[in-house]
Structures are given as structure tokens and as C-alpha cells.
């Protein structure tokens, strides 16, 4: 079976695993928090479920 190639470039893996993940989680404890509106929450949700994709130019 052939898979469908992503249009617009190369699909970028955005999931961090292993030691790098643990380090990023630790580093994130020192970041400031901010308030976001419902529009931004909606945008983040669309990115999270794959409706909006991040492509790297080929």
C-alpha cells in the first residue's frame, strides 16, 4: 500500500522523546505563564489534532 505524500513540503515530527523531553519539561518549570484568549485556544487545538500542519520546505 502506498501512503499519501504530504503536500507543501516535508511533514515535521514535533514530538520530543527521551532525555530531551525530560530536559524540556524541567526547563519549562522556569517559564512565565500567560493568558490566552479563546481564539488562540482554538488555533492550538486545530494544530494539536492535525488540522493545521507544520511543513518544512523541501
N, C-alpha and C. Protein backbone atom coordinates (compact mmCIF):
# COMPACT_ATOMS: atom_id res chain seq x y z
N UNK A 1 0.85 -1.18 0.00
CA UNK A 1 0.00 0.00 0.00
C UNK A 1 0.89 1.25 0.00
N UNK A 2 0.59 2.20 -0.85
CA UNK A 2 1.35 3.45 -0.89
C UNK A 2 0.68 4.47 0.01
N UNK A 3 1.52 5.24 0.69
CA UNK A 3 0.96 6.30 1.54
C UNK A 3 0.84 7.58 0.74
N UNK A 4 -0.04 8.45 1.17
CA UNK A 4 -0.24 9.73 0.52
C UNK A 4 0.84 10.68 1.01
N UNK A 5 1.57 11.27 0.09
CA UNK A 5 2.63 12.20 0.45
C UNK A 5 2.04 13.53 0.90
N UNK A 6 2.66 14.18 1.90
CA UNK A 6 2.17 15.48 2.34
C UNK A 6 2.38 16.52 1.25
N UNK A 7 1.40 17.41 1.07
CA UNK A 7 1.55 18.47 0.08
C UNK A 7 2.22 19.67 0.75
N UNK A 8 3.01 20.39 0.01
CA UNK A 8 3.62 21.61 0.54
C UNK A 8 4.97 21.42 1.20
N UNK A 9 5.52 20.23 1.20
CA UNK A 9 6.83 20.05 1.82
C UNK A 9 6.90 18.76 2.61
N UNK A 10 7.84 18.71 3.53
CA UNK A 10 8.08 17.53 4.34
C UNK A 10 7.39 17.70 5.70
N UNK A 11 6.62 16.72 6.11
CA UNK A 11 5.97 16.76 7.42
C UNK A 11 7.04 16.68 8.50
N UNK A 12 6.97 17.56 9.47
CA UNK A 12 7.98 17.65 10.52
C UNK A 12 7.46 16.99 11.79
N UNK A 13 8.24 16.06 12.34
CA UNK A 13 7.87 15.39 13.59
C UNK A 13 8.09 16.38 14.75
N UNK A 14 7.05 16.67 15.51
CA UNK A 14 7.13 17.65 16.58
C UNK A 14 7.07 17.02 17.97
N UNK A 15 7.15 15.70 18.05
CA UNK A 15 7.09 15.02 19.34
C UNK A 15 8.51 14.79 19.84
N UNK A 16 8.80 15.27 21.04
CA UNK A 16 10.12 15.11 21.63
C UNK A 16 10.04 13.95 22.62
N UNK A 17 11.06 13.10 22.60
CA UNK A 17 11.05 11.92 23.47
C UNK A 17 12.37 11.80 24.22
N UNK A 18 12.36 10.92 25.20
CA UNK A 18 13.58 10.57 25.91
C UNK A 18 14.15 11.68 26.78
N UNK A 19 15.46 11.73 26.84
CA UNK A 19 16.15 12.70 27.70
C UNK A 19 15.86 14.14 27.29
N UNK A 20 15.74 14.38 25.98
CA UNK A 20 15.44 15.73 25.52
C UNK A 20 14.08 16.19 26.06
N UNK A 21 13.09 15.29 26.06
CA UNK A 21 11.77 15.60 26.60
C UNK A 21 11.86 15.95 28.08
N UNK A 22 12.58 15.13 28.82
CA UNK A 22 12.71 15.35 30.25
C UNK A 22 13.39 16.70 30.54
N UNK A 23 14.42 17.03 29.77
CA UNK A 23 15.12 18.30 29.95
C UNK A 23 14.19 19.47 29.63
N UNK A 24 13.42 19.36 28.56
CA UNK A 24 12.50 20.43 28.19
C UNK A 24 11.41 20.62 29.25
N UNK A 25 10.92 19.52 29.80
CA UNK A 25 9.93 19.62 30.87
C UNK A 25 10.51 20.32 32.10
N UNK A 26 11.74 19.97 32.43
CA UNK A 26 12.41 20.61 33.56
C UNK A 26 12.62 22.10 33.30
N UNK A 27 13.09 22.43 32.09
CA UNK A 27 13.31 23.83 31.72
C UNK A 27 12.01 24.63 31.74
N UNK A 28 10.91 23.98 31.38
CA UNK A 28 9.63 24.69 31.30
C UNK A 28 9.13 25.15 32.67
N UNK A 29 9.64 24.56 33.74
CA UNK A 29 9.21 24.95 35.08
C UNK A 29 9.62 26.39 35.40
N UNK A 30 10.61 26.93 34.67
CA UNK A 30 11.09 28.29 34.91
C UNK A 30 10.48 29.32 33.97
N UNK A 31 9.58 28.90 33.09
CA UNK A 31 8.97 29.83 32.15
C UNK A 31 7.81 30.59 32.79
N UNK A 32 7.58 31.78 32.31
CA UNK A 32 6.44 32.57 32.79
C UNK A 32 5.16 32.03 32.17
N UNK A 33 4.06 32.26 32.84
CA UNK A 33 2.77 31.88 32.28
C UNK A 33 2.13 33.10 31.62
N UNK A 34 1.15 32.86 30.76
CA UNK A 34 0.43 33.95 30.14
C UNK A 34 -1.01 33.55 29.89
N UNK A 35 -1.84 34.53 29.79
CA UNK A 35 -3.25 34.28 29.49
C UNK A 35 -3.45 34.32 27.98
N UNK A 36 -4.26 33.40 27.48
CA UNK A 36 -4.58 33.40 26.06
C UNK A 36 -6.10 33.41 25.90
N UNK A 37 -6.54 33.94 24.78
CA UNK A 37 -7.99 34.03 24.55
C UNK A 37 -8.52 32.77 23.88
N UNK A 38 -9.81 32.71 23.73
CA UNK A 38 -10.44 31.51 23.16
C UNK A 38 -10.04 31.29 21.70
N UNK A 39 -9.77 32.35 20.96
CA UNK A 39 -9.33 32.22 19.57
C UNK A 39 -8.00 31.47 19.52
N UNK A 40 -7.07 31.83 20.39
CA UNK A 40 -5.77 31.18 20.44
C UNK A 40 -5.91 29.72 20.88
N UNK A 41 -6.77 29.47 21.84
CA UNK A 41 -7.02 28.10 22.28
C UNK A 41 -7.54 27.26 21.11
N UNK A 42 -8.43 27.83 20.32
CA UNK A 42 -8.96 27.14 19.15
C UNK A 42 -7.85 26.83 18.15
N UNK A 43 -6.98 27.81 17.89
CA UNK A 43 -5.85 27.60 16.98
C UNK A 43 -4.96 26.47 17.47
N UNK A 44 -4.64 26.47 18.76
CA UNK A 44 -3.78 25.43 19.33
C UNK A 44 -4.44 24.06 19.23
N UNK A 45 -5.74 24.02 19.43
CA UNK A 45 -6.48 22.76 19.32
C UNK A 45 -6.40 22.23 17.89
N UNK A 46 -6.58 23.11 16.90
CA UNK A 46 -6.50 22.68 15.50
C UNK A 46 -5.12 22.15 15.15
N UNK A 47 -4.09 22.78 15.65
CA UNK A 47 -2.74 22.28 15.42
C UNK A 47 -2.56 20.93 16.11
N UNK A 48 -3.07 20.81 17.33
CA UNK A 48 -2.92 19.58 18.11
C UNK A 48 -3.59 18.37 17.48
N UNK A 49 -4.73 18.57 16.84
CA UNK A 49 -5.45 17.44 16.24
C UNK A 49 -5.06 17.20 14.79
N UNK A 50 -4.12 18.00 14.29
CA UNK A 50 -3.62 17.76 12.95
C UNK A 50 -4.35 18.49 11.84
N UNK A 51 -5.27 19.35 12.17
CA UNK A 51 -5.98 20.11 11.12
C UNK A 51 -5.02 21.09 10.45
N UNK A 52 -4.18 21.71 11.23
CA UNK A 52 -3.15 22.62 10.70
C UNK A 52 -1.82 21.90 10.84
N UNK A 53 -1.07 21.84 9.75
CA UNK A 53 0.19 21.11 9.74
C UNK A 53 1.37 22.04 9.63
N UNK A 54 2.48 21.62 10.18
CA UNK A 54 3.75 22.35 10.05
C UNK A 54 4.59 21.62 9.02
N UNK A 55 4.89 22.30 7.93
CA UNK A 55 5.71 21.69 6.89
C UNK A 55 7.02 22.44 6.78
N UNK A 56 8.04 21.71 6.47
CA UNK A 56 9.34 22.30 6.18
C UNK A 56 9.50 22.27 4.67
N UNK A 57 9.92 23.38 4.09
CA UNK A 57 10.13 23.43 2.64
C UNK A 57 11.12 22.38 2.21
N UNK A 58 10.85 21.74 1.08
CA UNK A 58 11.75 20.70 0.57
C UNK A 58 12.93 21.31 -0.13
